[in-house]
Amino acid sequence: MPVGFQVFKEDGTLLFDIDRISYGLLKSGYLDLVDRWGRYTLRSLNLPPNEEGSYSYTRLIDPICGITVTGAVSPIVFLVGDGKPCGESVSGNVRTLYFKGCSPNTKAYIFDLMRDVGERTGMECYDAAGRLSFTTGMPPLNIIAAVDPPPINAPAYPGSDLRFTPYSGGGNEASGREWANTDYPQPKGAVFVPVASGELAAYLTFSRICMLAEGYTLGEGASVSANEGCGGASGGVRFFFSPAVATISQHSGARDTTWSDIPTDRQPQALVIRASDYPFPFR
């Protein structure tokens, strides 16, 4: 039998129910530049592309951003601004979460399972077994929308899988040099979806992968792997594809940017919160 606490608004609608809250804000802050990673470049077109020895890992000029949390159990990160998760490192109870495709203004809101965070001010609730199930020391996660990305663009030519931009209604942008002009120039195929007023943060439920011919107009004329990301913005959500972290790279000499092999039989969703509902920075 549920043991909990409910709060209602003046109009009688439910404000929150601690039996249905499991995540709260653990930390918020800007993503910092923490490292630069490279790409696996095919050393020669005469080498077999399916063998690891055919590649060299060079040019550590792909910016990697991160944020560190202590005591995280199962964190979920909502972003204001572009970004996509690309790994983590753990040392004891300290966890650093890594992201790619970010700018110096990207904000992270890290939510984790509700638990005792050492603060004894405010309200706490416990379940029937005596475990802490709700604490005002972790502002509860409140998702206001689940947003679908626009459909993937139709192929550029009949019988072809090449697309000039990933999303219907979107476009290609120059990116990769938000931190330094010596970093990789790389295309970003992005689209904006209006959701609600105010500053929003978003989390992508999963990421699709594809192939990208960067072209010399926005990249270095290489064929690379790419994957999907998203981030909240003022009034909506941006979905985007951009080169994957530590991707393989093969010179193609293409002039224009094209995208291919994008899955169309399934798509993720962006879960959205109002960033203004949460403290920033926090812890």
C-alpha atoms as a PDB file:
ATOM      1  CA  MET A   1       0.000   0.000   0.000  1.00  0.00           C
ATOM      2  CA  PRO A   2       1.478   3.401  -0.923  1.00  0.00           C
ATOM      3  CA  VAL A   3       2.668   5.525   1.958  1.00  0.00           C
ATOM      4  CA  GLY A   4       3.244   9.056   0.860  1.00  0.00           C
ATOM      5  CA  PHE A   5       2.350  12.681   0.669  1.00  0.00           C
ATOM      6  CA  GLN A   6       0.409  14.650  -1.905  1.00  0.00           C
ATOM      7  CA  VAL A   7       0.202  18.398  -2.506  1.00  0.00           C
ATOM      8  CA  PHE A   8      -2.551  20.019  -4.544  1.00  0.00           C
ATOM      9  CA  LYS A   9      -2.880  23.409  -6.225  1.00  0.00           C
ATOM     10  CA  GLU A  10      -5.662  25.860  -5.401  1.00  0.00           C
ATOM     11  CA  ASP A  11      -7.667  24.604  -8.376  1.00  0.00           C
ATOM     12  CA  GLY A  12      -7.533  21.052  -7.027  1.00  0.00           C
ATOM     13  CA  THR A  13      -5.029  19.661  -9.516  1.00  0.00           C
ATOM     14  CA  LEU A  14      -2.141  17.592  -8.223  1.00  0.00           C
ATOM     15  CA  LEU A  15       1.106  19.500  -7.675  1.00  0.00           C
ATOM     16  CA  PHE A  16       3.209  16.513  -6.634  1.00  0.00           C
ATOM     17  CA  ASP A  17       2.873  13.007  -5.237  1.00  0.00           C
ATOM     18  CA  ILE A  18       5.959  11.591  -3.550  1.00  0.00           C
ATOM     19  CA  ASP A  19       4.900   8.046  -4.468  1.00  0.00           C
ATOM     20  CA  ARG A  20       5.462   9.055  -8.110  1.00  0.00           C
ATOM     21  CA  ILE A  21       8.675  11.017  -7.651  1.00  0.00           C
ATOM     22  CA  SER A  22      11.953   9.132  -7.876  1.00  0.00           C
ATOM     23  CA  TYR A  23      14.434  11.701  -9.228  1.00  0.00           C
ATOM     24  CA  GLY A  24      15.608  15.036  -7.855  1.00  0.00           C
ATOM     25  CA  LEU A  25      18.214  17.634  -8.767  1.00  0.00           C
ATOM     26  CA  LEU A  26      21.662  16.643  -7.527  1.00  0.00           C
ATOM     27  CA  LYS A  27      23.732  19.377  -9.180  1.00  0.00           C
ATOM     28  CA  SER A  28      23.576  22.075 -11.839  1.00  0.00           C
ATOM     29  CA  GLY A  29      26.344  24.067 -13.488  1.00  0.00           C
ATOM     30  CA  TYR A  30      28.079  24.939 -16.739  1.00  0.00           C
ATOM     31  CA  LEU A  31      29.922  22.256 -18.681  1.00  0.00           C
ATOM     32  CA  ASP A  32      33.676  22.878 -18.632  1.00  0.00           C
ATOM     33  CA  LEU A  33      36.239  22.018 -21.287  1.00  0.00           C
ATOM     34  CA  VAL A  34      38.077  19.047 -19.748  1.00  0.00           C
ATOM     35  CA  ASP A  35      39.951  17.378 -22.622  1.00  0.00           C
ATOM     36  CA  ARG A  36      40.429  17.075 -26.364  1.00  0.00           C
ATOM     37  CA  TRP A  37      40.153  13.711 -28.095  1.00  0.00           C
ATOM     38  CA  GLY A  38      41.212  12.555 -31.550  1.00  0.00           C
ATOM     39  CA  ARG A  39      39.929  10.567 -34.497  1.00  0.00           C
ATOM     40  CA  TYR A  40      40.880   7.175 -35.934  1.00  0.00           C
ATOM     41  CA  THR A  41      42.121   8.019 -39.419  1.00  0.00           C
ATOM     42  CA  LEU A  42      42.542   5.380 -42.124  1.00  0.00           C
ATOM     43  CA  ARG A  43      46.269   5.448 -42.921  1.00  0.00           C
ATOM     44  CA  SER A  44      45.870   4.367 -46.547  1.00  0.00           C
ATOM     45  CA  LEU A  45      43.052   3.532 -48.930  1.00  0.00           C
ATOM     46  CA  ASN A  46      44.937   0.303 -49.695  1.00  0.00           C
ATOM     47  CA  LEU A  47      44.502  -0.946 -46.113  1.00  0.00           C
ATOM     48  CA  PRO A  48      41.489  -3.050 -45.021  1.00  0.00           C
ATOM     49  CA  PRO A  49      39.061  -0.693 -43.233  1.00  0.00           C
ATOM     50  CA  ASN A  50      37.773  -3.444 -40.934  1.00  0.00           C
ATOM     51  CA  GLU A  51      41.110  -3.926 -39.133  1.00  0.00           C
ATOM     52  CA  GLU A  52      42.180  -1.809 -36.167  1.00  0.00           C
ATOM     53  CA  GLY A  53      45.778  -1.657 -37.338  1.00  0.00           C
ATOM     54  CA  SER A  54      44.717   0.237 -40.455  1.00  0.00           C
ATOM     55  CA  TYR A  55      43.984   3.346 -38.394  1.00  0.00           C
ATOM     56  CA  SER A  56      46.054   5.871 -36.494  1.00  0.00           C
ATOM     57  CA  TYR A  57      44.662   7.841 -33.545  1.00  0.00           C
ATOM     58  CA  THR A  58      45.870  11.383 -34.077  1.00  0.00           C
ATOM     59  CA  ARG A  59      45.053  15.086 -33.891  1.00  0.00           C
ATOM     60  CA  LEU A  60      43.674  15.587 -30.391  1.00  0.00           C
ATOM     61  CA  ILE A  61      41.593  18.619 -31.343  1.00  0.00           C
ATOM     62  CA  ASP A  62      38.010  17.505 -30.667  1.00  0.00           C
ATOM     63  CA  PRO A  63      36.739  19.393 -27.562  1.00  0.00           C
ATOM     64  CA  ILE A  64      35.283  17.282 -24.751  1.00  0.00           C
ATOM     65  CA  CYS A  65      33.310  18.942 -21.974  1.00  0.00           C
ATOM     66  CA  GLY A  66      32.441  17.584 -18.571  1.00  0.00           C
ATOM     67  CA  ILE A  67      30.932  18.079 -15.161  1.00  0.00           C
ATOM     68  CA  THR A  68      31.814  16.216 -11.959  1.00  0.00           C
ATOM     69  CA  VAL A  69      29.384  14.945  -9.331  1.00  0.00           C
ATOM     70  CA  THR A  70      29.926  13.152  -6.046  1.00  0.00           C
ATOM     71  CA  GLY A  71      27.832  10.218  -4.920  1.00  0.00           C
ATOM     72  CA  ALA A  72      25.771   9.867  -8.111  1.00  0.00           C
ATOM     73  CA  VAL A  73      23.871   6.576  -8.417  1.00  0.00           C
ATOM     74  CA  SER A  74      21.955   6.727 -11.711  1.00  0.00           C
ATOM     75  CA  PRO A  75      22.247  10.270 -13.077  1.00  0.00           C
ATOM     76  CA  ILE A  76      20.172  11.790 -15.896  1.00  0.00           C
ATOM     77  CA  VAL A  77      21.441  15.035 -17.437  1.00  0.00           C
ATOM     78  CA  PHE A  78      19.244  17.709 -18.993  1.00  0.00           C
ATOM     79  CA  LEU A  79      21.035  20.356 -21.063  1.00  0.00           C
ATOM     80  CA  VAL A  80      20.371  23.970 -21.931  1.00  0.00           C
ATOM     81  CA  GLY A  81      22.326  24.391 -25.149  1.00  0.00           C
ATOM     82  CA  ASP A  82      23.659  21.753 -27.525  1.00  0.00           C
ATOM     83  CA  GLY A  83      25.435  18.658 -26.278  1.00  0.00           C
ATOM     84  CA  LYS A  84      25.442  14.869 -26.323  1.00  0.00           C
ATOM     85  CA  PRO A  85      26.851  12.422 -23.760  1.00  0.00           C
ATOM     86  CA  CYS A  86      29.997  10.554 -24.794  1.00  0.00           C
ATOM     87  CA  GLY A  87      31.106   8.646 -21.706  1.00  0.00           C
ATOM     88  CA  GLU A  88      32.095   8.985 -18.090  1.00  0.00           C
ATOM     89  CA  SER A  89      34.923   8.247 -15.701  1.00  0.00           C
ATOM     90  CA  VAL A  90      34.566   7.075 -12.108  1.00  0.00           C
ATOM     91  CA  SER A  91      37.038   7.348  -9.250  1.00  0.00           C
ATOM     92  CA  GLY A  92      35.609   6.163  -5.949  1.00  0.00           C
ATOM     93  CA  ASN A  93      32.313   8.007  -5.512  1.00  0.00           C
ATOM     94  CA  VAL A  94      33.334  10.831  -7.873  1.00  0.00           C
ATOM     95  CA  ARG A  95      31.919  10.640 -11.389  1.00  0.00           C
ATOM     96  CA  THR A  96      32.818  12.876 -14.339  1.00  0.00           C
ATOM     97  CA  LEU A  97      30.242  12.972 -17.125  1.00  0.00           C
ATOM     98  CA  TYR A  98      31.569  13.772 -20.621  1.00  0.00           C
ATOM     99  CA  PHE A  99      29.795  15.552 -23.472  1.00  0.00           C
ATOM    100  CA  LYS A 100      30.579  16.496 -27.058  1.00  0.00           C
ATOM    101  CA  GLY A 101      29.247  19.247 -29.293  1.00  0.00           C
ATOM    102  CA  CYS A 102      28.927  21.779 -26.478  1.00  0.00           C
ATOM    103  CA  SER A 103      29.638  25.478 -26.180  1.00  0.00           C
ATOM    104  CA  PRO A 104      30.989  27.493 -23.220  1.00  0.00           C
ATOM    105  CA  ASN A 105      27.372  28.433 -22.415  1.00  0.00           C
ATOM    106  CA  THR A 106      25.940  24.901 -22.182  1.00  0.00           C
ATOM    107  CA  LYS A 107      24.246  24.299 -18.825  1.00  0.00           C
ATOM    108  CA  ALA A 108      23.777  20.885 -17.206  1.00  0.00           C
ATOM    109  CA  TYR A 109      21.052  19.896 -14.745  1.00  0.00           C
ATOM    110  CA  ILE A 110      21.921  16.542 -13.183  1.00  0.00           C
ATOM    111  CA  PHE A 111      19.081  14.563 -11.620  1.00  0.00           C
ATOM    112  CA  ASP A 112      19.537  11.407  -9.591  1.00  0.00           C
ATOM    113  CA  LEU A 113      17.535   9.017  -7.434  1.00  0.00           C
ATOM    114  CA  MET A 114      16.052  10.675  -4.362  1.00  0.00           C
ATOM    115  CA  ARG A 115      18.091   9.902  -1.260  1.00  0.00           C
ATOM    116  CA  ASP A 116      19.658  11.448   1.820  1.00  0.00           C
ATOM    117  CA  VAL A 117      22.007  14.189   0.601  1.00  0.00           C
ATOM    118  CA  GLY A 118      23.014  15.294   4.086  1.00  0.00           C
ATOM    119  CA  GLU A 119      20.672  18.274   4.339  1.00  0.00           C
ATOM    120  CA  ARG A 120      18.274  18.404   7.261  1.00  0.00           C
ATOM    121  CA  THR A 121      16.287  21.504   6.339  1.00  0.00           C
ATOM    122  CA  GLY A 122      12.921  21.336   4.611  1.00  0.00           C
ATOM    123  CA  MET A 123      10.739  18.244   4.300  1.00  0.00           C
ATOM    124  CA  GLU A 124      11.599  14.558   4.133  1.00  0.00           C
ATOM    125  CA  CYS A 125       9.304  11.575   3.567  1.00  0.00           C
ATOM    126  CA  TYR A 126       9.980   7.883   4.044  1.00  0.00           C
ATOM    127  CA  ASP A 127       8.459   4.741   2.574  1.00  0.00           C
ATOM    128  CA  ALA A 128       6.936   1.874   4.532  1.00  0.00           C
ATOM    129  CA  ALA A 129      10.380   0.282   4.910  1.00  0.00           C
ATOM    130  CA  GLY A 130      11.816   3.445   6.424  1.00  0.00           C
ATOM    131  CA  ARG A 131      13.824   4.459   3.357  1.00  0.00           C
ATOM    132  CA  LEU A 132      13.933   8.110   2.394  1.00  0.00           C
ATOM    133  CA  SER A 133      11.688   8.561  -0.650  1.00  0.00           C
ATOM    134  CA  PHE A 134      11.446  12.352  -0.933  1.00  0.00           C
ATOM    135  CA  THR A 135      13.545  15.292   0.231  1.00  0.00           C
ATOM    136  CA  THR A 136      13.287  18.973  -0.555  1.00  0.00           C
ATOM    137  CA  GLY A 137      17.095  18.917  -0.578  1.00  0.00           C
ATOM    138  CA  MET A 138      16.731  17.520  -4.119  1.00  0.00           C
ATOM    139  CA  PRO A 139      14.192  19.583  -6.104  1.00  0.00           C
ATOM    140  CA  PRO A 140      11.986  16.996  -7.872  1.00  0.00           C
ATOM    141  CA  LEU A 141      12.246  16.279 -11.586  1.00  0.00           C
ATOM    142  CA  ASN A 142       9.164  17.627 -13.374  1.00  0.00           C
ATOM    143  CA  ILE A 143       8.986  16.803 -17.083  1.00  0.00           C
ATOM    144  CA  ILE A 144       6.683  19.238 -18.881  1.00  0.00           C
ATOM    145  CA  ALA A 145       6.836  17.730 -22.378  1.00  0.00           C
ATOM    146  CA  ALA A 146       8.076  14.806 -24.467  1.00  0.00           C
ATOM    147  CA  VAL A 147       9.006  16.124 -27.910  1.00  0.00           C
ATOM    148  CA  ASP A 148       9.488  14.164 -31.133  1.00  0.00           C
ATOM    149  CA  PRO A 149      12.162  15.315 -33.579  1.00  0.00           C
ATOM    150  CA  PRO A 150      10.966  16.299 -37.062  1.00  0.00           C
ATOM    151  CA  PRO A 151      10.997  13.553 -39.714  1.00  0.00           C
ATOM    152  CA  ILE A 152      14.276  12.726 -41.416  1.00  0.00           C
ATOM    153  CA  ASN A 153      14.630  14.536 -44.729  1.00  0.00           C
ATOM    154  CA  ALA A 154      13.821  12.764 -47.970  1.00  0.00           C
ATOM    155  CA  PRO A 155      16.825  11.581 -50.027  1.00  0.00           C
ATOM    156  CA  ALA A 156      18.404  14.209 -52.237  1.00  0.00           C
ATOM    157  CA  TYR A 157      18.111  12.017 -55.350  1.00  0.00           C
ATOM    158  CA  PRO A 158      15.789   9.175 -56.405  1.00  0.00           C
ATOM    159  CA  GLY A 159      17.281   5.819 -55.453  1.00  0.00           C
ATOM    160  CA  SER A 160      19.860   7.479 -53.202  1.00  0.00           C
ATOM    161  CA  ASP A 161      20.248   7.492 -49.421  1.00  0.00           C
ATOM    162  CA  LEU A 162      22.127  10.817 -49.363  1.00  0.00           C
ATOM    163  CA  ARG A 163      20.491  13.732 -47.584  1.00  0.00           C
ATOM    164  CA  PHE A 164      21.722  17.312 -47.666  1.00  0.00           C
ATOM    165  CA  THR A 165      20.405  17.919 -44.114  1.00  0.00           C
ATOM    166  CA  PRO A 166      19.210  15.359 -41.543  1.00  0.00           C
ATOM    167  CA  TYR A 167      15.872  16.848 -40.475  1.00  0.00           C
ATOM    168  CA  SER A 168      12.930  18.178 -42.410  1.00  0.00           C
ATOM    169  CA  GLY A 169      12.897  21.938 -41.895  1.00  0.00           C
ATOM    170  CA  GLY A 170      16.460  22.014 -40.579  1.00  0.00           C
ATOM    171  CA  GLY A 171      19.824  23.046 -41.960  1.00  0.00           C
ATOM    172  CA  ASN A 172      23.577  22.574 -41.672  1.00  0.00           C
ATOM    173  CA  GLU A 173      25.658  24.804 -39.407  1.00  0.00           C
ATOM    174  CA  ALA A 174      29.370  25.355 -38.890  1.00  0.00           C
ATOM    175  CA  SER A 175      30.477  23.999 -35.507  1.00  0.00           C
ATOM    176  CA  GLY A 176      33.398  22.444 -33.652  1.00  0.00           C
ATOM    177  CA  ARG A 177      35.327  25.640 -32.963  1.00  0.00           C
ATOM    178  CA  GLU A 178      33.322  27.029 -30.082  1.00  0.00           C
ATOM    179  CA  TRP A 179      36.371  26.665 -27.807  1.00  0.00           C
ATOM    180  CA  ALA A 180      39.326  27.352 -30.142  1.00  0.00           C
ATOM    181  CA  ASN A 181      39.884  28.107 -33.827  1.00  0.00           C
ATOM    182  CA  THR A 182      42.418  25.261 -34.001  1.00  0.00           C
ATOM    183  CA  ASP A 183      39.821  22.552 -33.237  1.00  0.00           C
ATOM    184  CA  TYR A 184      38.119  20.374 -35.870  1.00  0.00           C
ATOM    185  CA  PRO A 185      35.712  22.272 -38.125  1.00  0.00           C
ATOM    186  CA  GLN A 186      32.644  20.082 -38.449  1.00  0.00           C
ATOM    187  CA  PRO A 187      29.077  20.276 -39.737  1.00  0.00           C
ATOM    188  CA  LYS A 188      26.089  20.164 -37.428  1.00  0.00           C
ATOM    189  CA  GLY A 189      22.721  19.288 -38.967  1.00  0.00           C
ATOM    190  CA  ALA A 190      20.222  20.963 -36.645  1.00  0.00           C
ATOM    191  CA  VAL A 191      16.582  21.949 -36.309  1.00  0.00           C
ATOM    192  CA  PHE A 192      14.623  23.949 -33.723  1.00  0.00           C
ATOM    193  CA  VAL A 193      11.252  22.723 -32.411  1.00  0.00           C
ATOM    194  CA  PRO A 194       9.073  25.208 -30.475  1.00  0.00           C
ATOM    195  CA  VAL A 195       7.753  23.810 -27.180  1.00  0.00           C
ATOM    196  CA  ALA A 196       6.914  26.412 -24.517  1.00  0.00           C
ATOM    197  CA  SER A 197       7.976  29.845 -23.359  1.00  0.00           C
ATOM    198  CA  GLY A 198      11.020  30.347 -21.161  1.00  0.00           C
ATOM    199  CA  GLU A 199      14.407  28.666 -20.921  1.00  0.00           C
ATOM    200  CA  LEU A 200      14.081  24.907 -21.350  1.00  0.00           C
ATOM    201  CA  ALA A 201      16.452  21.998 -20.737  1.00  0.00           C
ATOM    202  CA  ALA A 202      16.231  18.689 -22.594  1.00  0.00           C
ATOM    203  CA  TYR A 203      17.363  15.060 -22.384  1.00  0.00           C
ATOM    204  CA  LEU A 204      17.409  12.726 -25.406  1.00  0.00           C
ATOM    205  CA  THR A 205      16.072   9.236 -24.649  1.00  0.00           C
ATOM    206  CA  PHE A 206      18.492   7.591 -27.103  1.00  0.00           C
ATOM    207  CA  SER A 207      20.702   8.592 -30.013  1.00  0.00           C
ATOM    208  CA  ARG A 208      20.665   7.480 -33.646  1.00  0.00           C
ATOM    209  CA  ILE A 209      23.884   7.070 -35.621  1.00  0.00           C
ATOM    210  CA  CYS A 210      24.608   7.710 -39.283  1.00  0.00           C
ATOM    211  CA  MET A 211      27.370   8.427 -41.782  1.00  0.00           C
ATOM    212  CA  LEU A 212      28.497  11.945 -42.622  1.00  0.00           C
ATOM    213  CA  ALA A 213      30.518  13.234 -45.545  1.00  0.00           C
ATOM    214  CA  GLU A 214      31.721  16.471 -44.016  1.00  0.00           C
ATOM    215  CA  GLY A 215      32.514  18.306 -47.226  1.00  0.00           C
ATOM    216  CA  TYR A 216      35.029  21.129 -47.488  1.00  0.00           C
ATOM    217  CA  THR A 217      32.422  23.841 -47.012  1.00  0.00           C
ATOM    218  CA  LEU A 218      31.864  23.001 -43.312  1.00  0.00           C
ATOM    219  CA  GLY A 219      34.466  20.329 -42.514  1.00  0.00           C
ATOM    220  CA  GLU A 220      37.688  18.768 -43.774  1.00  0.00           C
ATOM    221  CA  GLY A 221      36.333  16.615 -46.594  1.00  0.00           C
ATOM    222  CA  ALA A 222      36.299  13.422 -44.527  1.00  0.00           C
ATOM    223  CA  SER A 223      33.754  10.628 -44.171  1.00  0.00           C
ATOM    224  CA  VAL A 224      33.021  10.077 -40.470  1.00  0.00           C
ATOM    225  CA  SER A 225      30.461   8.556 -38.135  1.00  0.00           C
ATOM    226  CA  ALA A 226      27.882  10.904 -36.660  1.00  0.00           C
ATOM    227  CA  ASN A 227      25.251  10.654 -33.957  1.00  0.00           C
ATOM    228  CA  GLU A 228      22.320  12.562 -32.548  1.00  0.00           C
ATOM    229  CA  GLY A 229      22.076  15.030 -29.696  1.00  0.00           C
ATOM    230  CA  CYS A 230      19.726  17.650 -28.350  1.00  0.00           C
ATOM    231  CA  GLY A 231      19.523  20.571 -25.985  1.00  0.00           C
ATOM    232  CA  GLY A 232      16.985  22.969 -24.611  1.00  0.00           C
ATOM    233  CA  ALA A 233      16.812  26.591 -25.672  1.00  0.00           C
ATOM    234  CA  SER A 234      14.608  29.617 -25.164  1.00  0.00           C
ATOM    235  CA  GLY A 235      11.137  28.514 -26.182  1.00  0.00           C
ATOM    236  CA  GLY A 236      11.996  25.076 -27.513  1.00  0.00           C
ATOM    237  CA  VAL A 237      14.417  22.238 -28.220  1.00  0.00           C
ATOM    238  CA  ARG A 238      17.236  21.832 -30.755  1.00  0.00           C
ATOM    239  CA  PHE A 239      17.823  18.394 -32.255  1.00  0.00           C
ATOM    240  CA  PHE A 240      21.054  17.836 -34.153  1.00  0.00           C
ATOM    241  CA  PHE A 241      23.456  15.349 -35.729  1.00  0.00           C
ATOM    242  CA  SER A 242      27.212  15.950 -35.627  1.00  0.00           C
ATOM    243  CA  PRO A 243      30.432  13.866 -35.787  1.00  0.00           C
ATOM    244  CA  ALA A 244      30.657  11.150 -33.148  1.00  0.00           C
ATOM    245  CA  VAL A 245      33.331  11.144 -30.496  1.00  0.00           C
ATOM    246  CA  ALA A 246      36.614   9.409 -31.452  1.00  0.00           C
ATOM    247  CA  THR A 247      35.093   8.578 -34.834  1.00  0.00           C
ATOM    248  CA  ILE A 248      36.804   6.755 -37.668  1.00  0.00           C
ATOM    249  CA  SER A 249      37.758   9.136 -40.468  1.00  0.00           C
ATOM    250  CA  GLN A 250      38.506   8.525 -44.117  1.00  0.00           C
ATOM    251  CA  HIS A 251      39.319  11.185 -46.696  1.00  0.00           C
ATOM    252  CA  SER A 252      36.511  11.551 -49.219  1.00  0.00           C
ATOM    253  CA  GLY A 253      37.267  14.858 -50.923  1.00  0.00           C
ATOM    254  CA  ALA A 254      33.585  15.781 -51.001  1.00  0.00           C
ATOM    255  CA  ARG A 255      32.790  19.447 -51.481  1.00  0.00           C
ATOM    256  CA  ASP A 256      29.283  19.431 -50.013  1.00  0.00           C
ATOM    257  CA  THR A 257      28.020  18.001 -46.736  1.00  0.00           C
ATOM    258  CA  THR A 258      25.773  14.931 -47.015  1.00  0.00           C
ATOM    259  CA  TRP A 259      24.229  12.565 -44.454  1.00  0.00           C
ATOM    260  CA  SER A 260      23.330   8.900 -45.016  1.00  0.00           C
ATOM    261  CA  ASP A 261      22.227   5.696 -43.260  1.00  0.00           C
ATOM    262  CA  ILE A 262      20.021   7.590 -40.787  1.00  0.00           C
ATOM    263  CA  PRO A 263      17.531   5.198 -39.143  1.00  0.00           C
ATOM    264  CA  THR A 264      13.952   6.133 -40.007  1.00  0.00           C
ATOM    265  CA  ASP A 265      12.084   3.195 -38.454  1.00  0.00           C
ATOM    266  CA  ARG A 266      12.436   4.601 -34.943  1.00  0.00           C
ATOM    267  CA  GLN A 267      13.198   7.895 -33.274  1.00  0.00           C
ATOM    268  CA  PRO A 268      14.035   9.161 -29.795  1.00  0.00           C
ATOM    269  CA  GLN A 269      12.176  11.797 -27.809  1.00  0.00           C
ATOM    270  CA  ALA A 270      13.443  14.837 -25.989  1.00  0.00           C
ATOM    271  CA  LEU A 271      12.189  15.019 -22.404  1.00  0.00           C
ATOM    272  CA  VAL A 272      11.846  18.670 -21.449  1.00  0.00           C
ATOM    273  CA  ILE A 273      11.938  20.618 -18.173  1.00  0.00           C
ATOM    274  CA  ARG A 274      11.745  24.316 -17.370  1.00  0.00           C
ATOM    275  CA  ALA A 275      15.249  25.354 -16.392  1.00  0.00           C
ATOM    276  CA  SER A 276      13.840  28.339 -14.506  1.00  0.00           C
ATOM    277  CA  ASP A 277      12.128  25.949 -12.060  1.00  0.00           C
ATOM    278  CA  TYR A 278      15.512  24.852 -10.681  1.00  0.00           C
ATOM    279  CA  PRO A 279      18.390  26.593  -8.901  1.00  0.00           C
ATOM    280  CA  PHE A 280      21.505  27.357 -10.959  1.00  0.00           C
ATOM    281  CA  PRO A 281      24.272  26.800 -10.115  1.00  0.00           C
ATOM    282  CA  PHE A 282      23.420  24.187  -7.476  1.00  0.00           C
ATOM    283  CA  ARG A 283      25.963  22.363  -5.282  1.00  0.00           C
END
